[in-house]
Amino acid sequence: MVLWRRKKGITIPKLTRYEMARIVGARALQIALGAPVLIDVSKLKNKDPVTIAEEELKQGVLPVTIRRRLPDGTYELVPLSELLKGEEE
């Protein structure tokens, strides 16, 4: 069973450090293998893939949905943009 997150979800509305590490690592690998960059890198001091991926995450331009497993075997799909809004609050 899949639960799409609405206004009020089941899990916490913040990005965990493990999710953040997974997203940055996966995106840095994509960039290193030649994927197009989604931000303007001319303003970045350090232009390595990890720094670019971190900046893309900070700016919220990544089209990613987080899949969080729940104890009963179902999972909740949460858009990254919603979790980044939770970080600001």
N, C-alpha and C. Protein backbone atom coordinates (compact mmCIF):
# COMPACT_ATOMS: atom_id res chain seq x y z
N MET A 1 0.85 -1.17 0.00
CA MET A 1 0.00 0.00 0.00
C MET A 1 0.89 1.24 0.00
N VAL A 2 0.53 2.20 -0.81
CA VAL A 2 1.29 3.45 -0.93
C VAL A 2 0.46 4.58 -0.36
N LEU A 3 1.08 5.39 0.47
CA LEU A 3 0.43 6.57 1.01
C LEU A 3 1.13 7.80 0.47
N TRP A 4 0.41 8.63 -0.27
CA TRP A 4 0.98 9.89 -0.71
C TRP A 4 0.78 10.90 0.38
N ARG A 5 1.82 11.61 0.69
CA ARG A 5 1.77 12.60 1.76
C ARG A 5 0.88 13.77 1.35
N ARG A 6 -0.02 14.13 2.19
CA ARG A 6 -0.89 15.28 1.94
C ARG A 6 -0.44 16.40 2.87
N LYS A 7 -1.35 17.21 3.35
CA LYS A 7 -1.00 18.31 4.25
C LYS A 7 -0.31 17.79 5.51
N LYS A 8 -0.88 16.75 6.11
CA LYS A 8 -0.31 16.19 7.33
C LYS A 8 0.04 14.74 7.06
N GLY A 9 1.31 14.41 7.14
CA GLY A 9 1.75 13.05 6.87
C GLY A 9 1.94 12.25 8.14
N ILE A 10 2.36 11.03 7.97
CA ILE A 10 2.58 10.14 9.10
C ILE A 10 3.96 10.37 9.70
N THR A 11 4.96 10.52 8.84
CA THR A 11 6.34 10.65 9.31
C THR A 11 6.70 12.12 9.54
N ILE A 12 7.90 12.35 10.08
CA ILE A 12 8.32 13.72 10.38
C ILE A 12 8.50 14.52 9.09
N PRO A 13 8.18 15.80 9.11
CA PRO A 13 8.26 16.60 7.88
C PRO A 13 9.64 17.22 7.64
N LYS A 14 10.69 16.52 8.03
CA LYS A 14 12.05 17.02 7.84
C LYS A 14 12.88 15.95 7.16
N LEU A 15 13.88 16.39 6.43
CA LEU A 15 14.80 15.49 5.75
C LEU A 15 15.81 14.97 6.78
N THR A 16 15.94 13.65 6.90
CA THR A 16 16.91 13.10 7.85
C THR A 16 18.31 13.19 7.27
N ARG A 17 19.31 13.07 8.11
CA ARG A 17 20.68 13.16 7.62
C ARG A 17 21.02 11.98 6.70
N TYR A 18 20.37 10.83 6.90
CA TYR A 18 20.62 9.67 6.06
C TYR A 18 20.01 9.89 4.67
N GLU A 19 18.83 10.46 4.62
CA GLU A 19 18.20 10.78 3.34
C GLU A 19 19.01 11.84 2.61
N MET A 20 19.49 12.83 3.34
CA MET A 20 20.30 13.89 2.74
C MET A 20 21.58 13.31 2.13
N ALA A 21 22.24 12.43 2.88
CA ALA A 21 23.48 11.81 2.39
C ALA A 21 23.21 10.96 1.15
N ARG A 22 22.11 10.24 1.16
CA ARG A 22 21.75 9.40 0.01
C ARG A 22 21.47 10.24 -1.23
N ILE A 23 20.74 11.33 -1.06
CA ILE A 23 20.39 12.19 -2.18
C ILE A 23 21.63 12.88 -2.74
N VAL A 24 22.46 13.44 -1.87
CA VAL A 24 23.67 14.14 -2.32
C VAL A 24 24.62 13.16 -2.99
N GLY A 25 24.80 11.98 -2.43
CA GLY A 25 25.69 10.98 -3.01
C GLY A 25 25.23 10.51 -4.38
N ALA A 26 23.94 10.22 -4.50
CA ALA A 26 23.40 9.76 -5.78
C ALA A 26 23.49 10.85 -6.84
N ARG A 27 23.16 12.08 -6.45
CA ARG A 27 23.20 13.19 -7.41
C ARG A 27 24.64 13.51 -7.81
N ALA A 28 25.59 13.45 -6.87
CA ALA A 28 27.00 13.70 -7.18
C ALA A 28 27.52 12.65 -8.17
N LEU A 29 27.10 11.41 -8.02
CA LEU A 29 27.49 10.36 -8.96
C LEU A 29 26.92 10.66 -10.34
N GLN A 30 25.68 11.08 -10.41
CA GLN A 30 25.07 11.42 -11.70
C GLN A 30 25.83 12.56 -12.37
N ILE A 31 26.18 13.58 -11.60
CA ILE A 31 26.91 14.73 -12.15
C ILE A 31 28.30 14.29 -12.63
N ALA A 32 28.96 13.44 -11.85
CA ALA A 32 30.29 12.96 -12.23
C ALA A 32 30.25 12.14 -13.52
N LEU A 33 29.12 11.48 -13.77
CA LEU A 33 28.97 10.67 -14.98
C LEU A 33 28.43 11.47 -16.16
N GLY A 34 28.27 12.78 -15.99
CA GLY A 34 27.91 13.63 -17.11
C GLY A 34 26.48 14.12 -17.16
N ALA A 35 25.71 13.96 -16.11
CA ALA A 35 24.33 14.46 -16.09
C ALA A 35 24.35 15.99 -16.10
N PRO A 36 23.33 16.60 -16.69
CA PRO A 36 23.31 18.07 -16.71
C PRO A 36 23.11 18.65 -15.31
N VAL A 37 23.77 19.75 -15.05
CA VAL A 37 23.67 20.42 -13.75
C VAL A 37 22.45 21.32 -13.78
N LEU A 38 21.70 21.37 -12.68
CA LEU A 38 20.43 22.10 -12.62
C LEU A 38 20.56 23.53 -12.08
N ILE A 39 21.77 23.93 -11.73
CA ILE A 39 21.99 25.28 -11.18
C ILE A 39 23.12 25.95 -11.94
N ASP A 40 23.30 27.25 -11.69
CA ASP A 40 24.41 28.00 -12.27
C ASP A 40 25.64 27.78 -11.40
N VAL A 41 26.66 27.10 -11.96
CA VAL A 41 27.84 26.77 -11.16
C VAL A 41 28.92 27.84 -11.24
N SER A 42 28.70 28.88 -12.01
CA SER A 42 29.74 29.92 -12.15
C SER A 42 29.96 30.67 -10.83
N LYS A 43 28.94 30.69 -9.95
CA LYS A 43 29.06 31.41 -8.68
C LYS A 43 29.67 30.54 -7.57
N LEU A 44 29.81 29.25 -7.81
CA LEU A 44 30.35 28.35 -6.80
C LEU A 44 31.87 28.44 -6.78
N LYS A 45 32.41 28.45 -5.58
CA LYS A 45 33.86 28.52 -5.41
C LYS A 45 34.49 27.18 -5.78
N ASN A 46 33.93 26.11 -5.26
CA ASN A 46 34.42 24.76 -5.50
C ASN A 46 33.43 24.07 -6.45
N LYS A 47 33.90 23.54 -7.55
CA LYS A 47 33.01 22.99 -8.57
C LYS A 47 33.07 21.46 -8.65
N ASP A 48 33.34 20.80 -7.55
CA ASP A 48 33.33 19.34 -7.58
C ASP A 48 31.88 18.84 -7.49
N PRO A 49 31.60 17.60 -7.92
CA PRO A 49 30.23 17.09 -7.97
C PRO A 49 29.48 17.11 -6.64
N VAL A 50 30.17 16.85 -5.54
CA VAL A 50 29.50 16.83 -4.24
C VAL A 50 29.02 18.23 -3.85
N THR A 51 29.86 19.22 -4.07
CA THR A 51 29.47 20.60 -3.76
C THR A 51 28.30 21.05 -4.63
N ILE A 52 28.33 20.69 -5.90
CA ILE A 52 27.23 21.03 -6.80
C ILE A 52 25.94 20.35 -6.35
N ALA A 53 26.03 19.07 -5.98
CA ALA A 53 24.84 18.33 -5.52
C ALA A 53 24.29 18.93 -4.23
N GLU A 54 25.16 19.32 -3.31
CA GLU A 54 24.70 19.95 -2.07
C GLU A 54 23.99 21.27 -2.36
N GLU A 55 24.52 22.05 -3.29
CA GLU A 55 23.90 23.34 -3.63
C GLU A 55 22.56 23.13 -4.34
N GLU A 56 22.47 22.12 -5.18
CA GLU A 56 21.19 21.80 -5.83
C GLU A 56 20.15 21.41 -4.79
N LEU A 57 20.56 20.64 -3.80
CA LEU A 57 19.65 20.25 -2.73
C LEU A 57 19.22 21.48 -1.93
N LYS A 58 20.17 22.35 -1.59
CA LYS A 58 19.86 23.55 -0.81
C LYS A 58 18.88 24.46 -1.55
N GLN A 59 19.06 24.59 -2.87
CA GLN A 59 18.18 25.44 -3.66
C GLN A 59 16.84 24.79 -3.97
N GLY A 60 16.72 23.48 -3.74
CA GLY A 60 15.45 22.79 -3.92
C GLY A 60 15.06 22.55 -5.36
N VAL A 61 16.04 22.36 -6.25
CA VAL A 61 15.74 22.16 -7.66
C VAL A 61 15.69 20.69 -8.07
N LEU A 62 15.97 19.79 -7.16
CA LEU A 62 15.98 18.37 -7.50
C LEU A 62 14.56 17.79 -7.52
N PRO A 63 14.17 17.16 -8.61
CA PRO A 63 12.85 16.55 -8.68
C PRO A 63 12.87 15.14 -8.09
N VAL A 64 12.88 15.06 -6.78
CA VAL A 64 13.04 13.78 -6.07
C VAL A 64 11.86 13.54 -5.14
N THR A 65 11.45 12.29 -5.03
CA THR A 65 10.43 11.88 -4.07
C THR A 65 11.06 10.85 -3.13
N ILE A 66 10.94 11.08 -1.85
CA ILE A 66 11.50 10.18 -0.83
C ILE A 66 10.47 9.11 -0.51
N ARG A 67 10.91 7.86 -0.47
CA ARG A 67 10.04 6.75 -0.11
C ARG A 67 10.42 6.29 1.29
N ARG A 68 9.51 6.51 2.24
CA ARG A 68 9.76 6.15 3.64
C ARG A 68 8.93 4.92 4.00
N ARG A 69 9.63 3.88 4.43
CA ARG A 69 8.94 2.65 4.85
C ARG A 69 8.34 2.85 6.24
N LEU A 70 7.17 2.29 6.43
CA LEU A 70 6.49 2.36 7.72
C LEU A 70 6.54 0.99 8.39
N PRO A 71 6.38 0.91 9.71
CA PRO A 71 6.49 -0.36 10.43
C PRO A 71 5.51 -1.45 9.96
N ASP A 72 4.36 -1.06 9.42
CA ASP A 72 3.38 -2.07 9.00
C ASP A 72 3.63 -2.58 7.57
N GLY A 73 4.75 -2.19 6.95
CA GLY A 73 5.09 -2.69 5.63
C GLY A 73 4.68 -1.77 4.50
N THR A 74 3.85 -0.80 4.76
CA THR A 74 3.48 0.17 3.73
C THR A 74 4.57 1.23 3.65
N TYR A 75 4.41 2.14 2.73
CA TYR A 75 5.38 3.22 2.66
C TYR A 75 4.70 4.51 2.27
N GLU A 76 5.37 5.60 2.61
CA GLU A 76 4.86 6.94 2.34
C GLU A 76 5.79 7.61 1.35
N LEU A 77 5.23 8.23 0.32
CA LEU A 77 6.01 8.96 -0.67
C LEU A 77 5.91 10.44 -0.36
N VAL A 78 7.05 11.07 -0.15
CA VAL A 78 7.09 12.48 0.24
C VAL A 78 7.95 13.25 -0.75
N PRO A 79 7.41 14.26 -1.42
CA PRO A 79 8.23 15.07 -2.32
C PRO A 79 9.33 15.81 -1.56
N LEU A 80 10.50 15.89 -2.16
CA LEU A 80 11.63 16.56 -1.52
C LEU A 80 11.32 18.02 -1.21
N SER A 81 10.59 18.67 -2.08
CA SER A 81 10.26 20.09 -1.86
C SER A 81 9.47 20.27 -0.57
N GLU A 82 8.62 19.31 -0.23
CA GLU A 82 7.85 19.39 1.01
C GLU A 82 8.74 19.22 2.24
N LEU A 83 9.73 18.35 2.13
CA LEU A 83 10.66 18.15 3.25
C LEU A 83 11.57 19.35 3.45
N LEU A 84 11.94 20.00 2.37
CA LEU A 84 12.77 21.20 2.49
C LEU A 84 12.00 22.35 3.13
N LYS A 85 10.69 22.41 2.90
CA LYS A 85 9.85 23.42 3.57
C LYS A 85 9.81 23.14 5.07
N GLY A 86 9.81 21.87 5.46
CA GLY A 86 9.82 21.49 6.86
C GLY A 86 11.10 21.88 7.57
N GLU A 87 12.21 21.94 6.82
CA GLU A 87 13.50 22.36 7.38
C GLU A 87 13.46 23.85 7.76
N GLU A 88 12.74 24.64 6.98
CA GLU A 88 12.69 26.08 7.22
C GLU A 88 11.88 26.44 8.46
N GLU A 89 10.89 25.62 8.78
CA GLU A 89 9.99 25.93 9.91
C GLU A 89 10.64 25.68 11.25
